[in-house]
Structures are given as structure tokens and as C-alpha cells.
Amino acid sequence: IFLFPSDYFNPKKADTAYLEQVACM
């Protein structure tokens, strides 16, 4: 499982800086 920092305003979504990595994973 890959664990990413959440978005400050949306704690259920990954920080925008990591969205591409999230999608690829």
C-alpha cells in the first residue's frame, strides 16, 4: 500500500503534488 499526504482542504484526497503518482500506482 502506498500512503500519500492528504490535501489540506480535502482530507480524503491526496495532495495535488502527488496525484500523478497516485493514478499510476
PDBML (XML) file of the C-alpha atoms, coordinates in Angstrom:
<?xml version="1.0" encoding="UTF-8" ?>
<PDBx:datablock datablockName="MODEL"
   xmlns:PDBx="http://pdbml.pdb.org/schema/pdbx-v50.xsd"
   xmlns:xsi="http://www.w3.org/2001/XMLSchema-instance"
   xsi:schemaLocation="http://pdbml.pdb.org/schema/pdbx-v50.xsd pdbx-v50.xsd">
   <PDBx:atom_siteCategory>
      <PDBx:atom_site id="1">
         <PDBx:B_iso_or_equiv>0.00</PDBx:B_iso_or_equiv>
         <PDBx:Cartn_x>0.000</PDBx:Cartn_x>
         <PDBx:Cartn_y>0.000</PDBx:Cartn_y>
         <PDBx:Cartn_z>0.000</PDBx:Cartn_z>
         <PDBx:auth_asym_id>A</PDBx:auth_asym_id>
         <PDBx:auth_atom_id>CA</PDBx:auth_atom_id>
         <PDBx:auth_comp_id>ILE</PDBx:auth_comp_id>
         <PDBx:auth_seq_id>1</PDBx:auth_seq_id>
         <PDBx:group_PDB>ATOM</PDBx:group_PDB>
         <PDBx:label_alt_id xsi:nil="true" />
         <PDBx:label_asym_id>A</PDBx:label_asym_id>
         <PDBx:label_atom_id>CA</PDBx:label_atom_id>
         <PDBx:label_comp_id>ILE</PDBx:label_comp_id>
         <PDBx:label_entity_id>1</PDBx:label_entity_id>
         <PDBx:label_seq_id>1</PDBx:label_seq_id>
         <PDBx:occupancy>1.00</PDBx:occupancy>
         <PDBx:pdbx_PDB_model_num>1</PDBx:pdbx_PDB_model_num>
         <PDBx:type_symbol>C</PDBx:type_symbol>
      </PDBx:atom_site>
      <PDBx:atom_site id="2">
         <PDBx:B_iso_or_equiv>0.00</PDBx:B_iso_or_equiv>
         <PDBx:Cartn_x>1.323</PDBx:Cartn_x>
         <PDBx:Cartn_y>3.460</PDBx:Cartn_y>
         <PDBx:Cartn_z>-0.909</PDBx:Cartn_z>
         <PDBx:auth_asym_id>A</PDBx:auth_asym_id>
         <PDBx:auth_atom_id>CA</PDBx:auth_atom_id>
         <PDBx:auth_comp_id>PHE</PDBx:auth_comp_id>
         <PDBx:auth_seq_id>2</PDBx:auth_seq_id>
         <PDBx:group_PDB>ATOM</PDBx:group_PDB>
         <PDBx:label_alt_id xsi:nil="true" />
         <PDBx:label_asym_id>A</PDBx:label_asym_id>
         <PDBx:label_atom_id>CA</PDBx:label_atom_id>
         <PDBx:label_comp_id>PHE</PDBx:label_comp_id>
         <PDBx:label_entity_id>1</PDBx:label_entity_id>
         <PDBx:label_seq_id>2</PDBx:label_seq_id>
         <PDBx:occupancy>1.00</PDBx:occupancy>
         <PDBx:pdbx_PDB_model_num>1</PDBx:pdbx_PDB_model_num>
         <PDBx:type_symbol>C</PDBx:type_symbol>
      </PDBx:atom_site>
      <PDBx:atom_site id="3">
         <PDBx:B_iso_or_equiv>0.00</PDBx:B_iso_or_equiv>
         <PDBx:Cartn_x>0.493</PDBx:Cartn_x>
         <PDBx:Cartn_y>6.183</PDBx:Cartn_y>
         <PDBx:Cartn_z>1.601</PDBx:Cartn_z>
         <PDBx:auth_asym_id>A</PDBx:auth_asym_id>
         <PDBx:auth_atom_id>CA</PDBx:auth_atom_id>
         <PDBx:auth_comp_id>LEU</PDBx:auth_comp_id>
         <PDBx:auth_seq_id>3</PDBx:auth_seq_id>
         <PDBx:group_PDB>ATOM</PDBx:group_PDB>
         <PDBx:label_alt_id xsi:nil="true" />
         <PDBx:label_asym_id>A</PDBx:label_asym_id>
         <PDBx:label_atom_id>CA</PDBx:label_atom_id>
         <PDBx:label_comp_id>LEU</PDBx:label_comp_id>
         <PDBx:label_entity_id>1</PDBx:label_entity_id>
         <PDBx:label_seq_id>3</PDBx:label_seq_id>
         <PDBx:occupancy>1.00</PDBx:occupancy>
         <PDBx:pdbx_PDB_model_num>1</PDBx:pdbx_PDB_model_num>
         <PDBx:type_symbol>C</PDBx:type_symbol>
      </PDBx:atom_site>
      <PDBx:atom_site id="4">
         <PDBx:B_iso_or_equiv>0.00</PDBx:B_iso_or_equiv>
         <PDBx:Cartn_x>0.339</PDBx:Cartn_x>
         <PDBx:Cartn_y>9.810</PDBx:Cartn_y>
         <PDBx:Cartn_z>0.423</PDBx:Cartn_z>
         <PDBx:auth_asym_id>A</PDBx:auth_asym_id>
         <PDBx:auth_atom_id>CA</PDBx:auth_atom_id>
         <PDBx:auth_comp_id>PHE</PDBx:auth_comp_id>
         <PDBx:auth_seq_id>4</PDBx:auth_seq_id>
         <PDBx:group_PDB>ATOM</PDBx:group_PDB>
         <PDBx:label_alt_id xsi:nil="true" />
         <PDBx:label_asym_id>A</PDBx:label_asym_id>
         <PDBx:label_atom_id>CA</PDBx:label_atom_id>
         <PDBx:label_comp_id>PHE</PDBx:label_comp_id>
         <PDBx:label_entity_id>1</PDBx:label_entity_id>
         <PDBx:label_seq_id>4</PDBx:label_seq_id>
         <PDBx:occupancy>1.00</PDBx:occupancy>
         <PDBx:pdbx_PDB_model_num>1</PDBx:pdbx_PDB_model_num>
         <PDBx:type_symbol>C</PDBx:type_symbol>
      </PDBx:atom_site>
      <PDBx:atom_site id="5">
         <PDBx:B_iso_or_equiv>0.00</PDBx:B_iso_or_equiv>
         <PDBx:Cartn_x>-0.196</PDBx:Cartn_x>
         <PDBx:Cartn_y>13.120</PDBx:Cartn_y>
         <PDBx:Cartn_z>2.250</PDBx:Cartn_z>
         <PDBx:auth_asym_id>A</PDBx:auth_asym_id>
         <PDBx:auth_atom_id>CA</PDBx:auth_atom_id>
         <PDBx:auth_comp_id>PRO</PDBx:auth_comp_id>
         <PDBx:auth_seq_id>5</PDBx:auth_seq_id>
         <PDBx:group_PDB>ATOM</PDBx:group_PDB>
         <PDBx:label_alt_id xsi:nil="true" />
         <PDBx:label_asym_id>A</PDBx:label_asym_id>
         <PDBx:label_atom_id>CA</PDBx:label_atom_id>
         <PDBx:label_comp_id>PRO</PDBx:label_comp_id>
         <PDBx:label_entity_id>1</PDBx:label_entity_id>
         <PDBx:label_seq_id>5</PDBx:label_seq_id>
         <PDBx:occupancy>1.00</PDBx:occupancy>
         <PDBx:pdbx_PDB_model_num>1</PDBx:pdbx_PDB_model_num>
         <PDBx:type_symbol>C</PDBx:type_symbol>
      </PDBx:atom_site>
      <PDBx:atom_site id="6">
         <PDBx:B_iso_or_equiv>0.00</PDBx:B_iso_or_equiv>
         <PDBx:Cartn_x>-3.783</PDBx:Cartn_x>
         <PDBx:Cartn_y>14.253</PDBx:Cartn_y>
         <PDBx:Cartn_z>2.070</PDBx:Cartn_z>
         <PDBx:auth_asym_id>A</PDBx:auth_asym_id>
         <PDBx:auth_atom_id>CA</PDBx:auth_atom_id>
         <PDBx:auth_comp_id>SER</PDBx:auth_comp_id>
         <PDBx:auth_seq_id>6</PDBx:auth_seq_id>
         <PDBx:group_PDB>ATOM</PDBx:group_PDB>
         <PDBx:label_alt_id xsi:nil="true" />
         <PDBx:label_asym_id>A</PDBx:label_asym_id>
         <PDBx:label_atom_id>CA</PDBx:label_atom_id>
         <PDBx:label_comp_id>SER</PDBx:label_comp_id>
         <PDBx:label_entity_id>1</PDBx:label_entity_id>
         <PDBx:label_seq_id>6</PDBx:label_seq_id>
         <PDBx:occupancy>1.00</PDBx:occupancy>
         <PDBx:pdbx_PDB_model_num>1</PDBx:pdbx_PDB_model_num>
         <PDBx:type_symbol>C</PDBx:type_symbol>
      </PDBx:atom_site>
      <PDBx:atom_site id="7">
         <PDBx:B_iso_or_equiv>0.00</PDBx:B_iso_or_equiv>
         <PDBx:Cartn_x>-4.939</PDBx:Cartn_x>
         <PDBx:Cartn_y>17.541</PDBx:Cartn_y>
         <PDBx:Cartn_z>0.591</PDBx:Cartn_z>
         <PDBx:auth_asym_id>A</PDBx:auth_asym_id>
         <PDBx:auth_atom_id>CA</PDBx:auth_atom_id>
         <PDBx:auth_comp_id>ASP</PDBx:auth_comp_id>
         <PDBx:auth_seq_id>7</PDBx:auth_seq_id>
         <PDBx:group_PDB>ATOM</PDBx:group_PDB>
         <PDBx:label_alt_id xsi:nil="true" />
         <PDBx:label_asym_id>A</PDBx:label_asym_id>
         <PDBx:label_atom_id>CA</PDBx:label_atom_id>
         <PDBx:label_comp_id>ASP</PDBx:label_comp_id>
         <PDBx:label_entity_id>1</PDBx:label_entity_id>
         <PDBx:label_seq_id>7</PDBx:label_seq_id>
         <PDBx:occupancy>1.00</PDBx:occupancy>
         <PDBx:pdbx_PDB_model_num>1</PDBx:pdbx_PDB_model_num>
         <PDBx:type_symbol>C</PDBx:type_symbol>
      </PDBx:atom_site>
      <PDBx:atom_site id="8">
         <PDBx:B_iso_or_equiv>0.00</PDBx:B_iso_or_equiv>
         <PDBx:Cartn_x>-5.229</PDBx:Cartn_x>
         <PDBx:Cartn_y>20.191</PDBx:Cartn_y>
         <PDBx:Cartn_z>3.298</PDBx:Cartn_z>
         <PDBx:auth_asym_id>A</PDBx:auth_asym_id>
         <PDBx:auth_atom_id>CA</PDBx:auth_atom_id>
         <PDBx:auth_comp_id>TYR</PDBx:auth_comp_id>
         <PDBx:auth_seq_id>8</PDBx:auth_seq_id>
         <PDBx:group_PDB>ATOM</PDBx:group_PDB>
         <PDBx:label_alt_id xsi:nil="true" />
         <PDBx:label_asym_id>A</PDBx:label_asym_id>
         <PDBx:label_atom_id>CA</PDBx:label_atom_id>
         <PDBx:label_comp_id>TYR</PDBx:label_comp_id>
         <PDBx:label_entity_id>1</PDBx:label_entity_id>
         <PDBx:label_seq_id>8</PDBx:label_seq_id>
         <PDBx:occupancy>1.00</PDBx:occupancy>
         <PDBx:pdbx_PDB_model_num>1</PDBx:pdbx_PDB_model_num>
         <PDBx:type_symbol>C</PDBx:type_symbol>
      </PDBx:atom_site>
      <PDBx:atom_site id="9">
         <PDBx:B_iso_or_equiv>0.00</PDBx:B_iso_or_equiv>
         <PDBx:Cartn_x>-8.780</PDBx:Cartn_x>
         <PDBx:Cartn_y>21.127</PDBx:Cartn_y>
         <PDBx:Cartn_z>2.285</PDBx:Cartn_z>
         <PDBx:auth_asym_id>A</PDBx:auth_asym_id>
         <PDBx:auth_atom_id>CA</PDBx:auth_atom_id>
         <PDBx:auth_comp_id>PHE</PDBx:auth_comp_id>
         <PDBx:auth_seq_id>9</PDBx:auth_seq_id>
         <PDBx:group_PDB>ATOM</PDBx:group_PDB>
         <PDBx:label_alt_id xsi:nil="true" />
         <PDBx:label_asym_id>A</PDBx:label_asym_id>
         <PDBx:label_atom_id>CA</PDBx:label_atom_id>
         <PDBx:label_comp_id>PHE</PDBx:label_comp_id>
         <PDBx:label_entity_id>1</PDBx:label_entity_id>
         <PDBx:label_seq_id>9</PDBx:label_seq_id>
         <PDBx:occupancy>1.00</PDBx:occupancy>
         <PDBx:pdbx_PDB_model_num>1</PDBx:pdbx_PDB_model_num>
         <PDBx:type_symbol>C</PDBx:type_symbol>
      </PDBx:atom_site>
      <PDBx:atom_site id="10">
         <PDBx:B_iso_or_equiv>0.00</PDBx:B_iso_or_equiv>
         <PDBx:Cartn_x>-9.931</PDBx:Cartn_x>
         <PDBx:Cartn_y>17.610</PDBx:Cartn_y>
         <PDBx:Cartn_z>1.371</PDBx:Cartn_z>
         <PDBx:auth_asym_id>A</PDBx:auth_asym_id>
         <PDBx:auth_atom_id>CA</PDBx:auth_atom_id>
         <PDBx:auth_comp_id>ASN</PDBx:auth_comp_id>
         <PDBx:auth_seq_id>10</PDBx:auth_seq_id>
         <PDBx:group_PDB>ATOM</PDBx:group_PDB>
         <PDBx:label_alt_id xsi:nil="true" />
         <PDBx:label_asym_id>A</PDBx:label_asym_id>
         <PDBx:label_atom_id>CA</PDBx:label_atom_id>
         <PDBx:label_comp_id>ASN</PDBx:label_comp_id>
         <PDBx:label_entity_id>1</PDBx:label_entity_id>
         <PDBx:label_seq_id>10</PDBx:label_seq_id>
         <PDBx:occupancy>1.00</PDBx:occupancy>
         <PDBx:pdbx_PDB_model_num>1</PDBx:pdbx_PDB_model_num>
         <PDBx:type_symbol>C</PDBx:type_symbol>
      </PDBx:atom_site>
      <PDBx:atom_site id="11">
         <PDBx:B_iso_or_equiv>0.00</PDBx:B_iso_or_equiv>
         <PDBx:Cartn_x>-8.534</PDBx:Cartn_x>
         <PDBx:Cartn_y>15.011</PDBx:Cartn_y>
         <PDBx:Cartn_z>3.814</PDBx:Cartn_z>
         <PDBx:auth_asym_id>A</PDBx:auth_asym_id>
         <PDBx:auth_atom_id>CA</PDBx:auth_atom_id>
         <PDBx:auth_comp_id>PRO</PDBx:auth_comp_id>
         <PDBx:auth_seq_id>11</PDBx:auth_seq_id>
         <PDBx:group_PDB>ATOM</PDBx:group_PDB>
         <PDBx:label_alt_id xsi:nil="true" />
         <PDBx:label_asym_id>A</PDBx:label_asym_id>
         <PDBx:label_atom_id>CA</PDBx:label_atom_id>
         <PDBx:label_comp_id>PRO</PDBx:label_comp_id>
         <PDBx:label_entity_id>1</PDBx:label_entity_id>
         <PDBx:label_seq_id>11</PDBx:label_seq_id>
         <PDBx:occupancy>1.00</PDBx:occupancy>
         <PDBx:pdbx_PDB_model_num>1</PDBx:pdbx_PDB_model_num>
         <PDBx:type_symbol>C</PDBx:type_symbol>
      </PDBx:atom_site>
      <PDBx:atom_site id="12">
         <PDBx:B_iso_or_equiv>0.00</PDBx:B_iso_or_equiv>
         <PDBx:Cartn_x>-9.902</PDBx:Cartn_x>
         <PDBx:Cartn_y>12.127</PDBx:Cartn_y>
         <PDBx:Cartn_z>1.742</PDBx:Cartn_z>
         <PDBx:auth_asym_id>A</PDBx:auth_asym_id>
         <PDBx:auth_atom_id>CA</PDBx:auth_atom_id>
         <PDBx:auth_comp_id>LYS</PDBx:auth_comp_id>
         <PDBx:auth_seq_id>12</PDBx:auth_seq_id>
         <PDBx:group_PDB>ATOM</PDBx:group_PDB>
         <PDBx:label_alt_id xsi:nil="true" />
         <PDBx:label_asym_id>A</PDBx:label_asym_id>
         <PDBx:label_atom_id>CA</PDBx:label_atom_id>
         <PDBx:label_comp_id>LYS</PDBx:label_comp_id>
         <PDBx:label_entity_id>1</PDBx:label_entity_id>
         <PDBx:label_seq_id>12</PDBx:label_seq_id>
         <PDBx:occupancy>1.00</PDBx:occupancy>
         <PDBx:pdbx_PDB_model_num>1</PDBx:pdbx_PDB_model_num>
         <PDBx:type_symbol>C</PDBx:type_symbol>
      </PDBx:atom_site>
      <PDBx:atom_site id="13">
         <PDBx:B_iso_or_equiv>0.00</PDBx:B_iso_or_equiv>
         <PDBx:Cartn_x>-7.902</PDBx:Cartn_x>
         <PDBx:Cartn_y>13.098</PDBx:Cartn_y>
         <PDBx:Cartn_z>-1.347</PDBx:Cartn_z>
         <PDBx:auth_asym_id>A</PDBx:auth_asym_id>
         <PDBx:auth_atom_id>CA</PDBx:auth_atom_id>
         <PDBx:auth_comp_id>LYS</PDBx:auth_comp_id>
         <PDBx:auth_seq_id>13</PDBx:auth_seq_id>
         <PDBx:group_PDB>ATOM</PDBx:group_PDB>
         <PDBx:label_alt_id xsi:nil="true" />
         <PDBx:label_asym_id>A</PDBx:label_asym_id>
         <PDBx:label_atom_id>CA</PDBx:label_atom_id>
         <PDBx:label_comp_id>LYS</PDBx:label_comp_id>
         <PDBx:label_entity_id>1</PDBx:label_entity_id>
         <PDBx:label_seq_id>13</PDBx:label_seq_id>
         <PDBx:occupancy>1.00</PDBx:occupancy>
         <PDBx:pdbx_PDB_model_num>1</PDBx:pdbx_PDB_model_num>
         <PDBx:type_symbol>C</PDBx:type_symbol>
      </PDBx:atom_site>
      <PDBx:atom_site id="14">
         <PDBx:B_iso_or_equiv>0.00</PDBx:B_iso_or_equiv>
         <PDBx:Cartn_x>-4.140</PDBx:Cartn_x>
         <PDBx:Cartn_y>13.066</PDBx:Cartn_y>
         <PDBx:Cartn_z>-1.970</PDBx:Cartn_z>
         <PDBx:auth_asym_id>A</PDBx:auth_asym_id>
         <PDBx:auth_atom_id>CA</PDBx:auth_atom_id>
         <PDBx:auth_comp_id>ALA</PDBx:auth_comp_id>
         <PDBx:auth_seq_id>14</PDBx:auth_seq_id>
         <PDBx:group_PDB>ATOM</PDBx:group_PDB>
         <PDBx:label_alt_id xsi:nil="true" />
         <PDBx:label_asym_id>A</PDBx:label_asym_id>
         <PDBx:label_atom_id>CA</PDBx:label_atom_id>
         <PDBx:label_comp_id>ALA</PDBx:label_comp_id>
         <PDBx:label_entity_id>1</PDBx:label_entity_id>
         <PDBx:label_seq_id>14</PDBx:label_seq_id>
         <PDBx:occupancy>1.00</PDBx:occupancy>
         <PDBx:pdbx_PDB_model_num>1</PDBx:pdbx_PDB_model_num>
         <PDBx:type_symbol>C</PDBx:type_symbol>
      </PDBx:atom_site>
      <PDBx:atom_site id="15">
         <PDBx:B_iso_or_equiv>0.00</PDBx:B_iso_or_equiv>
         <PDBx:Cartn_x>-2.214</PDBx:Cartn_x>
         <PDBx:Cartn_y>16.331</PDBx:Cartn_y>
         <PDBx:Cartn_z>-2.132</PDBx:Cartn_z>
         <PDBx:auth_asym_id>A</PDBx:auth_asym_id>
         <PDBx:auth_atom_id>CA</PDBx:auth_atom_id>
         <PDBx:auth_comp_id>ASP</PDBx:auth_comp_id>
         <PDBx:auth_seq_id>15</PDBx:auth_seq_id>
         <PDBx:group_PDB>ATOM</PDBx:group_PDB>
         <PDBx:label_alt_id xsi:nil="true" />
         <PDBx:label_asym_id>A</PDBx:label_asym_id>
         <PDBx:label_atom_id>CA</PDBx:label_atom_id>
         <PDBx:label_comp_id>ASP</PDBx:label_comp_id>
         <PDBx:label_entity_id>1</PDBx:label_entity_id>
         <PDBx:label_seq_id>15</PDBx:label_seq_id>
         <PDBx:occupancy>1.00</PDBx:occupancy>
         <PDBx:pdbx_PDB_model_num>1</PDBx:pdbx_PDB_model_num>
         <PDBx:type_symbol>C</PDBx:type_symbol>
      </PDBx:atom_site>
      <PDBx:atom_site id="16">
         <PDBx:B_iso_or_equiv>0.00</PDBx:B_iso_or_equiv>
         <PDBx:Cartn_x>-2.199</PDBx:Cartn_x>
         <PDBx:Cartn_y>17.658</PDBx:Cartn_y>
         <PDBx:Cartn_z>-5.695</PDBx:Cartn_z>
         <PDBx:auth_asym_id>A</PDBx:auth_asym_id>
         <PDBx:auth_atom_id>CA</PDBx:auth_atom_id>
         <PDBx:auth_comp_id>THR</PDBx:auth_comp_id>
         <PDBx:auth_seq_id>16</PDBx:auth_seq_id>
         <PDBx:group_PDB>ATOM</PDBx:group_PDB>
         <PDBx:label_alt_id xsi:nil="true" />
         <PDBx:label_asym_id>A</PDBx:label_asym_id>
         <PDBx:label_atom_id>CA</PDBx:label_atom_id>
         <PDBx:label_comp_id>THR</PDBx:label_comp_id>
         <PDBx:label_entity_id>1</PDBx:label_entity_id>
         <PDBx:label_seq_id>16</PDBx:label_seq_id>
         <PDBx:occupancy>1.00</PDBx:occupancy>
         <PDBx:pdbx_PDB_model_num>1</PDBx:pdbx_PDB_model_num>
         <PDBx:type_symbol>C</PDBx:type_symbol>
      </PDBx:atom_site>
      <PDBx:atom_site id="17">
         <PDBx:B_iso_or_equiv>0.00</PDBx:B_iso_or_equiv>
         <PDBx:Cartn_x>1.604</PDBx:Cartn_x>
         <PDBx:Cartn_y>17.302</PDBx:Cartn_y>
         <PDBx:Cartn_z>-5.884</PDBx:Cartn_z>
         <PDBx:auth_asym_id>A</PDBx:auth_asym_id>
         <PDBx:auth_atom_id>CA</PDBx:auth_atom_id>
         <PDBx:auth_comp_id>ALA</PDBx:auth_comp_id>
         <PDBx:auth_seq_id>17</PDBx:auth_seq_id>
         <PDBx:group_PDB>ATOM</PDBx:group_PDB>
         <PDBx:label_alt_id xsi:nil="true" />
         <PDBx:label_asym_id>A</PDBx:label_asym_id>
         <PDBx:label_atom_id>CA</PDBx:label_atom_id>
         <PDBx:label_comp_id>ALA</PDBx:label_comp_id>
         <PDBx:label_entity_id>1</PDBx:label_entity_id>
         <PDBx:label_seq_id>17</PDBx:label_seq_id>
         <PDBx:occupancy>1.00</PDBx:occupancy>
         <PDBx:pdbx_PDB_model_num>1</PDBx:pdbx_PDB_model_num>
         <PDBx:type_symbol>C</PDBx:type_symbol>
      </PDBx:atom_site>
      <PDBx:atom_site id="18">
         <PDBx:B_iso_or_equiv>0.00</PDBx:B_iso_or_equiv>
         <PDBx:Cartn_x>1.201</PDBx:Cartn_x>
         <PDBx:Cartn_y>13.513</PDBx:Cartn_y>
         <PDBx:Cartn_z>-5.765</PDBx:Cartn_z>
         <PDBx:auth_asym_id>A</PDBx:auth_asym_id>
         <PDBx:auth_atom_id>CA</PDBx:auth_atom_id>
         <PDBx:auth_comp_id>TYR</PDBx:auth_comp_id>
         <PDBx:auth_seq_id>18</PDBx:auth_seq_id>
         <PDBx:group_PDB>ATOM</PDBx:group_PDB>
         <PDBx:label_alt_id xsi:nil="true" />
         <PDBx:label_asym_id>A</PDBx:label_asym_id>
         <PDBx:label_atom_id>CA</PDBx:label_atom_id>
         <PDBx:label_comp_id>TYR</PDBx:label_comp_id>
         <PDBx:label_entity_id>1</PDBx:label_entity_id>
         <PDBx:label_seq_id>18</PDBx:label_seq_id>
         <PDBx:occupancy>1.00</PDBx:occupancy>
         <PDBx:pdbx_PDB_model_num>1</PDBx:pdbx_PDB_model_num>
         <PDBx:type_symbol>C</PDBx:type_symbol>
      </PDBx:atom_site>
      <PDBx:atom_site id="19">
         <PDBx:B_iso_or_equiv>0.00</PDBx:B_iso_or_equiv>
         <PDBx:Cartn_x>-1.933</PDBx:Cartn_x>
         <PDBx:Cartn_y>12.927</PDBx:Cartn_y>
         <PDBx:Cartn_z>-7.859</PDBx:Cartn_z>
         <PDBx:auth_asym_id>A</PDBx:auth_asym_id>
         <PDBx:auth_atom_id>CA</PDBx:auth_atom_id>
         <PDBx:auth_comp_id>LEU</PDBx:auth_comp_id>
         <PDBx:auth_seq_id>19</PDBx:auth_seq_id>
         <PDBx:group_PDB>ATOM</PDBx:group_PDB>
         <PDBx:label_alt_id xsi:nil="true" />
         <PDBx:label_asym_id>A</PDBx:label_asym_id>
         <PDBx:label_atom_id>CA</PDBx:label_atom_id>
         <PDBx:label_comp_id>LEU</PDBx:label_comp_id>
         <PDBx:label_entity_id>1</PDBx:label_entity_id>
         <PDBx:label_seq_id>19</PDBx:label_seq_id>
         <PDBx:occupancy>1.00</PDBx:occupancy>
         <PDBx:pdbx_PDB_model_num>1</PDBx:pdbx_PDB_model_num>
         <PDBx:type_symbol>C</PDBx:type_symbol>
      </PDBx:atom_site>
      <PDBx:atom_site id="20">
         <PDBx:B_iso_or_equiv>0.00</PDBx:B_iso_or_equiv>
         <PDBx:Cartn_x>0.035</PDBx:Cartn_x>
         <PDBx:Cartn_y>11.652</PDBx:Cartn_y>
         <PDBx:Cartn_z>-10.871</PDBx:Cartn_z>
         <PDBx:auth_asym_id>A</PDBx:auth_asym_id>
         <PDBx:auth_atom_id>CA</PDBx:auth_atom_id>
         <PDBx:auth_comp_id>GLU</PDBx:auth_comp_id>
         <PDBx:auth_seq_id>20</PDBx:auth_seq_id>
         <PDBx:group_PDB>ATOM</PDBx:group_PDB>
         <PDBx:label_alt_id xsi:nil="true" />
         <PDBx:label_asym_id>A</PDBx:label_asym_id>
         <PDBx:label_atom_id>CA</PDBx:label_atom_id>
         <PDBx:label_comp_id>GLU</PDBx:label_comp_id>
         <PDBx:label_entity_id>1</PDBx:label_entity_id>
         <PDBx:label_seq_id>20</PDBx:label_seq_id>
         <PDBx:occupancy>1.00</PDBx:occupancy>
         <PDBx:pdbx_PDB_model_num>1</PDBx:pdbx_PDB_model_num>
         <PDBx:type_symbol>C</PDBx:type_symbol>
      </PDBx:atom_site>
      <PDBx:atom_site id="21">
         <PDBx:B_iso_or_equiv>0.00</PDBx:B_iso_or_equiv>
         <PDBx:Cartn_x>1.875</PDBx:Cartn_x>
         <PDBx:Cartn_y>9.103</PDBx:Cartn_y>
         <PDBx:Cartn_z>-8.740</PDBx:Cartn_z>
         <PDBx:auth_asym_id>A</PDBx:auth_asym_id>
         <PDBx:auth_atom_id>CA</PDBx:auth_atom_id>
         <PDBx:auth_comp_id>GLN</PDBx:auth_comp_id>
         <PDBx:auth_seq_id>21</PDBx:auth_seq_id>
         <PDBx:group_PDB>ATOM</PDBx:group_PDB>
         <PDBx:label_alt_id xsi:nil="true" />
         <PDBx:label_asym_id>A</PDBx:label_asym_id>
         <PDBx:label_atom_id>CA</PDBx:label_atom_id>
         <PDBx:label_comp_id>GLN</PDBx:label_comp_id>
         <PDBx:label_entity_id>1</PDBx:label_entity_id>
         <PDBx:label_seq_id>21</PDBx:label_seq_id>
         <PDBx:occupancy>1.00</PDBx:occupancy>
         <PDBx:pdbx_PDB_model_num>1</PDBx:pdbx_PDB_model_num>
         <PDBx:type_symbol>C</PDBx:type_symbol>
      </PDBx:atom_site>
      <PDBx:atom_site id="22">
         <PDBx:B_iso_or_equiv>0.00</PDBx:B_iso_or_equiv>
         <PDBx:Cartn_x>-1.393</PDBx:Cartn_x>
         <PDBx:Cartn_y>8.044</PDBx:Cartn_y>
         <PDBx:Cartn_z>-7.105</PDBx:Cartn_z>
         <PDBx:auth_asym_id>A</PDBx:auth_asym_id>
         <PDBx:auth_atom_id>CA</PDBx:auth_atom_id>
         <PDBx:auth_comp_id>VAL</PDBx:auth_comp_id>
         <PDBx:auth_seq_id>22</PDBx:auth_seq_id>
         <PDBx:group_PDB>ATOM</PDBx:group_PDB>
         <PDBx:label_alt_id xsi:nil="true" />
         <PDBx:label_asym_id>A</PDBx:label_asym_id>
         <PDBx:label_atom_id>CA</PDBx:label_atom_id>
         <PDBx:label_comp_id>VAL</PDBx:label_comp_id>
         <PDBx:label_entity_id>1</PDBx:label_entity_id>
         <PDBx:label_seq_id>22</PDBx:label_seq_id>
         <PDBx:occupancy>1.00</PDBx:occupancy>
         <PDBx:pdbx_PDB_model_num>1</PDBx:pdbx_PDB_model_num>
         <PDBx:type_symbol>C</PDBx:type_symbol>
      </PDBx:atom_site>
      <PDBx:atom_site id="23">
         <PDBx:B_iso_or_equiv>0.00</PDBx:B_iso_or_equiv>
         <PDBx:Cartn_x>-3.019</PDBx:Cartn_x>
         <PDBx:Cartn_y>7.463</PDBx:Cartn_y>
         <PDBx:Cartn_z>-10.507</PDBx:Cartn_z>
         <PDBx:auth_asym_id>A</PDBx:auth_asym_id>
         <PDBx:auth_atom_id>CA</PDBx:auth_atom_id>
         <PDBx:auth_comp_id>ALA</PDBx:auth_comp_id>
         <PDBx:auth_seq_id>23</PDBx:auth_seq_id>
         <PDBx:group_PDB>ATOM</PDBx:group_PDB>
         <PDBx:label_alt_id xsi:nil="true" />
         <PDBx:label_asym_id>A</PDBx:label_asym_id>
         <PDBx:label_atom_id>CA</PDBx:label_atom_id>
         <PDBx:label_comp_id>ALA</PDBx:label_comp_id>
         <PDBx:label_entity_id>1</PDBx:label_entity_id>
         <PDBx:label_seq_id>23</PDBx:label_seq_id>
         <PDBx:occupancy>1.00</PDBx:occupancy>
         <PDBx:pdbx_PDB_model_num>1</PDBx:pdbx_PDB_model_num>
         <PDBx:type_symbol>C</PDBx:type_symbol>
      </PDBx:atom_site>
      <PDBx:atom_site id="24">
         <PDBx:B_iso_or_equiv>0.00</PDBx:B_iso_or_equiv>
         <PDBx:Cartn_x>-0.056</PDBx:Cartn_x>
         <PDBx:Cartn_y>5.462</PDBx:Cartn_y>
         <PDBx:Cartn_z>-11.794</PDBx:Cartn_z>
         <PDBx:auth_asym_id>A</PDBx:auth_asym_id>
         <PDBx:auth_atom_id>CA</PDBx:auth_atom_id>
         <PDBx:auth_comp_id>CYS</PDBx:auth_comp_id>
         <PDBx:auth_seq_id>24</PDBx:auth_seq_id>
         <PDBx:group_PDB>ATOM</PDBx:group_PDB>
         <PDBx:label_alt_id xsi:nil="true" />
         <PDBx:label_asym_id>A</PDBx:label_asym_id>
         <PDBx:label_atom_id>CA</PDBx:label_atom_id>
         <PDBx:label_comp_id>CYS</PDBx:label_comp_id>
         <PDBx:label_entity_id>1</PDBx:label_entity_id>
         <PDBx:label_seq_id>24</PDBx:label_seq_id>
         <PDBx:occupancy>1.00</PDBx:occupancy>
         <PDBx:pdbx_PDB_model_num>1</PDBx:pdbx_PDB_model_num>
         <PDBx:type_symbol>C</PDBx:type_symbol>
      </PDBx:atom_site>
      <PDBx:atom_site id="25">
         <PDBx:B_iso_or_equiv>0.00</PDBx:B_iso_or_equiv>
         <PDBx:Cartn_x>0.051</PDBx:Cartn_x>
         <PDBx:Cartn_y>3.290</PDBx:Cartn_y>
         <PDBx:Cartn_z>-8.691</PDBx:Cartn_z>
         <PDBx:auth_asym_id>A</PDBx:auth_asym_id>
         <PDBx:auth_atom_id>CA</PDBx:auth_atom_id>
         <PDBx:auth_comp_id>MET</PDBx:auth_comp_id>
         <PDBx:auth_seq_id>25</PDBx:auth_seq_id>
         <PDBx:group_PDB>ATOM</PDBx:group_PDB>
         <PDBx:label_alt_id xsi:nil="true" />
         <PDBx:label_asym_id>A</PDBx:label_asym_id>
         <PDBx:label_atom_id>CA</PDBx:label_atom_id>
         <PDBx:label_comp_id>MET</PDBx:label_comp_id>
         <PDBx:label_entity_id>1</PDBx:label_entity_id>
         <PDBx:label_seq_id>25</PDBx:label_seq_id>
         <PDBx:occupancy>1.00</PDBx:occupancy>
         <PDBx:pdbx_PDB_model_num>1</PDBx:pdbx_PDB_model_num>
         <PDBx:type_symbol>C</PDBx:type_symbol>
      </PDBx:atom_site>
   </PDBx:atom_siteCategory>
</PDBx:datablock>
